[in-house]
Protein backbone atom coordinates (compact mmCIF):
# COMPACT_ATOMS: atom_id res chain seq x y z
CA MET A 1 -21.44 -189.07 8.35
CA ASN A 2 -18.02 -190.17 8.65
CA ALA A 3 -17.33 -193.80 9.97
CA PRO A 4 -15.41 -194.03 13.13
CA LEU A 5 -11.81 -194.76 13.04
CA SER A 6 -11.32 -198.59 13.46
CA HIS A 7 -7.67 -198.15 14.61
CA PRO A 8 -7.28 -195.11 16.41
CA HIS A 9 -3.91 -194.00 17.86
CA PRO A 10 -3.06 -195.23 21.58
CA LEU A 11 -2.93 -192.55 24.12
CA LEU A 12 0.04 -191.62 25.90
CA GLU A 13 -0.08 -191.94 29.58
CA LEU A 14 1.27 -188.71 31.18
CA ASP A 15 2.80 -190.61 34.15
CA VAL A 16 4.97 -192.53 31.36
CA LEU A 17 5.90 -189.43 29.69
CA ARG A 18 6.70 -188.25 33.26
CA THR A 19 9.25 -190.86 33.86
CA PHE A 20 10.56 -190.88 30.14
CA VAL A 21 11.37 -186.97 30.62
CA ALA A 22 12.93 -187.68 34.07
CA ILE A 23 15.18 -190.27 32.53
CA ALA A 24 16.01 -188.05 29.79
CA GLU A 25 17.08 -185.21 32.19
CA THR A 26 18.94 -187.53 34.76
CA GLY A 27 20.53 -189.69 32.10
CA SER A 28 19.86 -192.44 34.29
CA PHE A 29 17.01 -194.98 35.02
CA THR A 30 18.08 -195.13 38.62
CA ALA A 31 18.27 -191.35 39.13
CA ALA A 32 14.78 -190.85 37.31
CA ALA A 33 13.35 -193.58 39.66
CA ASP A 34 14.39 -191.53 42.47
CA THR A 35 12.72 -188.21 40.85
CA VAL A 36 9.24 -190.06 40.45
CA PHE A 37 9.36 -191.99 43.37
CA ARG A 38 9.48 -195.65 41.67
CA THR A 39 11.37 -198.53 41.75
CA PRO A 40 14.05 -198.72 38.75
CA SER A 41 12.53 -202.25 37.71
CA ALA A 42 8.78 -200.17 37.51
CA VAL A 43 10.48 -197.31 35.46
CA SER A 44 12.26 -199.91 33.28
CA MET A 45 9.01 -201.59 32.52
CA GLN A 46 7.23 -198.02 31.87
CA ILE A 47 9.73 -197.43 29.23
CA LYS A 48 9.42 -200.68 27.81
CA LYS A 49 5.92 -200.29 27.42
CA LEU A 50 6.29 -196.78 25.68
CA GLU A 51 8.65 -198.16 23.63
CA GLU A 52 6.21 -200.91 22.56
CA THR A 53 3.40 -198.45 21.85
CA LEU A 54 5.55 -196.40 19.81
CA GLY A 55 7.42 -199.18 17.85
CA GLN A 56 10.52 -197.39 18.39
CA SER A 57 13.65 -197.53 20.61
CA LEU A 58 13.73 -194.39 22.88
CA PHE A 59 16.83 -194.87 24.47
CA ALA A 60 20.57 -195.78 23.83
CA ARG A 61 21.97 -197.72 26.70
CA ASP A 62 25.31 -198.61 27.81
CA SER A 63 26.89 -199.61 30.88
CA ARG A 64 27.63 -196.17 32.00
CA SER A 65 25.10 -193.89 30.30
CA VAL A 66 21.85 -193.35 28.77
CA ALA A 67 21.21 -191.23 25.74
CA LEU A 68 18.09 -190.29 23.69
CA THR A 69 17.50 -192.10 20.21
CA ALA A 70 16.65 -190.21 17.30
CA ALA A 71 12.96 -191.27 18.17
CA GLY A 72 13.62 -190.20 21.86
CA GLU A 73 14.77 -186.99 20.55
CA MET A 74 11.51 -186.25 18.38
CA LEU A 75 9.43 -187.31 21.62
CA ILE A 76 11.01 -185.28 24.10
CA GLY A 77 9.62 -182.04 23.07
CA HIS A 78 6.28 -183.62 22.80
CA ALA A 79 6.20 -184.99 25.99
CA ARG A 80 7.45 -181.80 27.81
CA GLN A 81 4.68 -179.95 26.13
CA LEU A 82 2.07 -182.24 27.03
CA LEU A 83 2.87 -182.46 30.69
CA ALA A 84 3.11 -178.64 31.02
CA LEU A 85 -0.37 -178.52 29.27
CA ASN A 86 -1.61 -180.96 32.17
CA ARG A 87 -0.07 -178.83 34.77
CA GLU A 88 -1.32 -175.67 33.40
CA ALA A 89 -5.01 -177.30 33.56
CA VAL A 90 -4.54 -178.71 36.77
CA ALA A 91 -3.28 -175.33 38.39
CA LYS A 92 -6.29 -173.62 37.46
CA PHE A 93 -8.34 -175.81 39.80
CA ILE A 94 -6.17 -177.31 42.63
CA ALA A 95 -2.83 -175.43 42.92
CA PRO A 96 -2.63 -173.09 45.68
CA ASP A 97 -1.97 -169.52 44.96
CA ILE A 98 1.51 -168.56 43.90
CA ALA A 99 2.81 -165.22 44.40
CA GLY A 100 6.12 -163.58 43.38
CA GLU A 101 7.93 -162.17 40.67
CA VAL A 102 9.42 -163.56 37.22
CA ARG A 103 12.19 -161.71 35.39
CA LEU A 104 11.25 -162.92 31.49
CA GLY A 105 13.52 -162.35 28.62
CA ALA A 106 12.47 -162.30 24.98
CA PRO A 107 13.56 -161.06 21.47
CA ASP A 108 11.85 -158.28 19.90
CA ASP A 109 9.91 -160.37 17.62
CA VAL A 110 8.51 -162.40 20.25
CA SER A 111 7.55 -159.76 22.22
CA GLU A 112 5.66 -158.49 19.46
CA ARG A 113 3.94 -161.38 18.30
CA PHE A 114 3.47 -163.79 21.10
CA LEU A 115 4.03 -162.19 24.58
CA PRO A 116 0.74 -159.80 24.70
CA ASP A 117 -1.76 -162.57 24.40
CA MET A 118 0.07 -165.08 26.56
CA LEU A 119 0.81 -162.54 29.15
CA ARG A 120 -2.53 -161.69 29.53
CA ARG A 121 -3.91 -165.18 29.98
CA PHE A 122 -1.10 -165.50 32.43
CA ALA A 123 -2.10 -162.45 34.64
CA GLN A 124 -5.49 -163.81 34.97
CA SER A 125 -4.75 -167.55 35.91
CA HIS A 126 -1.76 -166.24 38.10
CA PRO A 127 -2.85 -162.91 39.50
CA GLY A 128 -0.49 -162.99 42.34
CA ILE A 129 2.74 -163.32 39.69
CA ALA A 130 4.40 -160.05 38.53
CA VAL A 131 6.26 -160.69 35.13
CA ASN A 132 9.11 -158.02 34.22
CA VAL A 133 10.07 -158.35 30.42
CA VAL A 134 13.57 -157.54 29.32
CA VAL A 135 13.71 -157.20 25.43
CA GLU A 136 17.22 -158.04 24.23
CA ASN A 137 18.92 -160.10 21.15
CA THR A 138 19.35 -163.84 21.90
CA ASP A 139 22.99 -163.55 22.87
CA GLU A 140 22.32 -161.06 25.63
CA LEU A 141 19.31 -163.20 26.78
CA ILE A 142 21.70 -166.02 26.92
CA ALA A 143 24.12 -164.21 28.93
CA ARG A 144 21.66 -162.65 31.43
CA THR A 145 20.05 -166.02 32.01
CA ALA A 146 23.61 -167.66 32.70
CA LYS A 147 24.68 -164.65 35.30
CA GLY A 148 21.05 -165.14 37.14
CA ALA A 149 19.95 -161.68 36.00
CA LEU A 150 16.83 -163.48 34.09
CA ASP A 151 14.86 -166.53 35.15
CA VAL A 152 13.34 -167.40 32.04
CA ALA A 153 14.39 -166.37 28.41
CA MET A 154 12.91 -167.14 25.10
CA ILE A 155 15.57 -167.20 22.30
CA THR A 156 16.13 -167.94 18.59
CA CYS A 157 17.78 -171.56 18.23
CA ASN A 158 21.03 -172.46 16.20
CA GLY A 159 22.21 -169.00 15.80
CA GLY A 160 25.76 -170.20 17.06
CA PHE A 161 25.74 -168.48 20.30
CA ALA A 162 27.05 -170.39 23.46
CA GLY A 163 24.53 -172.09 25.00
CA ASP A 164 21.65 -171.97 22.44
CA LYS A 165 21.63 -175.49 21.52
CA THR A 166 20.94 -176.70 25.32
CA ALA A 167 17.50 -174.59 25.00
CA GLU A 168 14.43 -176.64 25.18
CA VAL A 169 12.55 -175.83 21.75
CA LEU A 170 9.03 -174.19 22.13
CA TYR A 171 7.93 -173.72 18.68
CA ARG A 172 9.14 -174.13 15.08
CA GLU A 173 7.77 -172.56 11.90
CA PRO A 174 8.85 -171.90 8.52
CA LEU A 175 10.96 -168.87 7.57
CA VAL A 176 9.57 -167.52 4.21
CA TRP A 177 10.51 -164.26 2.13
CA ALA A 178 8.50 -161.28 3.15
CA CYS A 179 7.66 -158.58 0.72
CA LEU A 180 4.83 -155.86 -0.28
CA LYS A 181 2.05 -157.20 -1.89
CA GLY A 182 2.17 -155.67 -5.45
CA GLY A 183 5.87 -154.47 -4.80
CA CYS A 184 8.64 -154.94 -6.99
CA ALA A 185 11.75 -155.16 -4.51
CA ALA A 186 11.94 -159.03 -5.45
CA LEU A 187 12.30 -158.20 -8.82
CA ARG A 188 15.30 -155.96 -8.41
CA ASP A 189 19.00 -157.13 -9.22
CA PRO A 190 21.00 -157.18 -7.14
CA LEU A 191 18.20 -158.51 -4.68
CA PRO A 192 17.94 -155.67 -1.79
CA VAL A 193 17.62 -157.49 1.57
CA SER A 194 16.66 -156.41 4.93
CA VAL A 195 18.36 -158.37 7.75
CA TRP A 196 20.00 -158.06 11.24
CA GLU A 197 23.45 -158.70 12.43
CA GLU A 198 25.94 -161.98 12.24
CA GLY A 199 24.27 -164.80 14.46
CA CYS A 200 20.81 -163.81 13.51
CA VAL A 201 19.22 -167.10 12.48
CA TRP A 202 16.98 -165.46 9.86
CA ARG A 203 20.00 -163.71 8.24
CA LYS A 204 22.03 -166.86 8.20
CA GLU A 205 19.06 -168.88 6.19
CA ALA A 206 18.68 -165.91 3.87
CA LEU A 207 22.12 -165.23 2.92
CA GLU A 208 22.99 -168.81 2.66
CA GLY A 209 20.29 -169.73 0.53
CA LEU A 210 20.84 -166.79 -1.89
CA ALA A 211 24.69 -167.70 -2.05
CA ARG A 212 23.68 -171.28 -2.93
CA ALA A 213 21.28 -170.03 -5.57
CA GLY A 214 23.59 -167.67 -6.99
CA ARG A 215 21.43 -164.87 -6.63
CA ASP A 216 22.85 -161.41 -6.14
CA TYR A 217 22.01 -159.26 -3.13
CA ARG A 218 23.06 -156.39 -1.29
CA ILE A 219 21.92 -155.47 2.02
CA SER A 220 19.95 -152.48 1.74
CA PHE A 221 18.32 -152.34 5.25
CA GLN A 222 19.55 -153.30 8.89
CA SER A 223 17.58 -153.16 12.00
CA ALA A 224 17.35 -155.31 15.16
CA TYR A 225 13.57 -154.79 15.33
CA ILE A 226 11.03 -156.67 13.30
CA SER A 227 9.19 -153.28 12.97
CA GLY A 228 12.35 -151.88 11.33
CA GLN A 229 11.98 -154.95 8.92
CA LYS A 230 8.57 -154.44 8.26
CA ALA A 231 9.18 -150.79 7.56
CA ALA A 232 11.48 -151.44 4.86
CA ILE A 233 9.03 -153.88 3.27
CA LEU A 234 6.15 -151.57 3.11
CA ALA A 235 8.39 -148.69 1.78
CA ASP A 236 9.23 -151.29 -1.13
CA LEU A 237 13.01 -151.04 -0.22
CA ALA A 238 13.82 -154.77 0.50
CA VAL A 239 12.29 -158.10 0.99
CA ALA A 240 13.28 -160.01 4.42
CA PRO A 241 13.30 -163.50 5.77
CA MET A 242 10.61 -163.86 8.40
CA PRO A 243 8.82 -166.50 10.26
CA LEU A 244 5.51 -167.35 8.53
CA SER A 245 3.38 -166.18 11.50
CA ALA A 246 4.92 -162.73 11.27
CA ILE A 247 3.37 -162.16 7.91
CA SER A 248 0.22 -159.97 7.70
CA ASP A 249 -1.51 -157.68 4.68
CA PRO A 250 -0.02 -156.02 3.04
CA ILE A 251 3.19 -157.89 3.51
CA VAL A 252 2.72 -161.15 1.96
CA ALA A 253 5.05 -164.26 1.38
CA ALA A 254 6.93 -164.05 -1.80
CA SER A 255 5.60 -166.34 -4.66
CA ALA A 256 7.55 -168.75 -6.80
CA LYS A 257 7.73 -166.23 -9.70
CA ASP A 258 9.83 -164.06 -7.41
CA ASN A 259 12.63 -166.86 -7.86
CA LEU A 260 14.04 -166.56 -4.37
CA PRO A 261 15.31 -169.80 -2.55
CA PRO A 262 13.52 -171.73 -0.16
CA LEU A 263 14.40 -170.87 3.73
CA GLY A 264 14.77 -173.20 6.60
CA ASN A 265 12.82 -173.47 9.55
CA TYR A 266 12.85 -171.20 12.61
CA SER A 267 13.02 -172.26 16.16
CA LEU A 268 12.05 -170.73 19.23
CA GLY A 269 13.82 -172.07 22.51
CA LEU A 270 13.18 -171.69 26.22
CA ILE A 271 15.93 -171.56 28.94
CA VAL A 272 15.00 -171.54 32.78
CA ALA A 273 17.30 -171.00 35.38
CA ARG A 274 18.29 -174.03 37.60
CA ASP A 275 17.01 -172.84 40.65
CA ALA A 276 13.78 -171.89 39.51
CA SER A 277 11.16 -170.61 42.04
CA ALA A 278 7.36 -171.78 41.75
CA PRO A 279 6.46 -168.60 40.15
CA VAL A 280 9.34 -168.97 37.52
CA LYS A 281 8.20 -172.78 36.99
CA ALA A 282 4.65 -171.71 36.57
CA ALA A 283 5.58 -169.31 33.97
CA ALA A 284 7.61 -171.38 32.18
CA ASP A 285 4.79 -174.23 32.18
CA HIS A 286 2.54 -171.47 30.64
CA LEU A 287 4.74 -170.66 27.97
CA ARG A 288 5.17 -174.21 27.21
CA ALA A 289 1.52 -174.71 27.13
CA SER A 290 0.68 -171.79 25.18
CA PHE A 291 3.16 -172.67 22.15
CA ALA A 292 1.69 -176.35 22.19
CA THR A 293 -1.57 -175.28 21.91
CA ARG A 294 -0.42 -172.46 19.17
CA ALA A 295 1.45 -175.84 17.39
CA GLY A 296 -1.59 -177.89 17.39
CA LYS A 297 -3.92 -175.06 15.88
CA ALA A 298 -1.09 -174.62 13.09
CA LEU A 299 -1.23 -178.46 12.41
CA ALA A 300 -4.99 -178.49 12.25
CA ALA A 301 -5.09 -175.30 9.91
């Protein structure tokens, strides 16, 4: 039997995290105080307590502005996800029935890997909300959200598109080289690679990695859809960069003997319309909570 921990980690208070997020989003302790219905001095005390608990400064302050420190940037995503999990749980018991429509945009790989289960559970918890899904590339999703044609969009971050750096990061996971189990595509020279167009984060990581490693390659297959990428791999025509969660037998992650360069991480971001309605906010919270749960399971695995 394992002995209990003598020094357990402190518990973060949701009320304090709500204040922390409000300051980050408004850029002001005074504005945040109005948002959370507290006095500025009470808000300052909450943040002081949070910084003492974590042993880190969360905000860099001067006479005119407030900005997140590196530690604050690290905490903000976790704080938003914890608050979303709380709202999602509470909504199942005490929130009034919400009805309406949500226009949701997502890239092809996200719609295949994540949306079916998440939308099924959202339909069960919010039967009065209709979700209409548009599957497009990240550049188009950002543009449609900016024009008001979409309420919520999930996008791949850091692809160089205008607006993607302002997205709230939902989920991070490693990119790996995907290949056919027992196949020989990874051994060919030049290396046959399956990718998509400029601006695709997966393409960028793969081709820059190969260039740094001095590995000759040729683009032998191009597809905007993850099903097309998998078809090329299953035919042993190419290897392709993919998120780890997209790998399933007989597609496997390349091994060290394949001598392929390591790839970076893949980030999935969330953009929500500024004038979000109650149904839109509920859908956004559900996505935040779902990915927070998924990230927790990945860490525990």
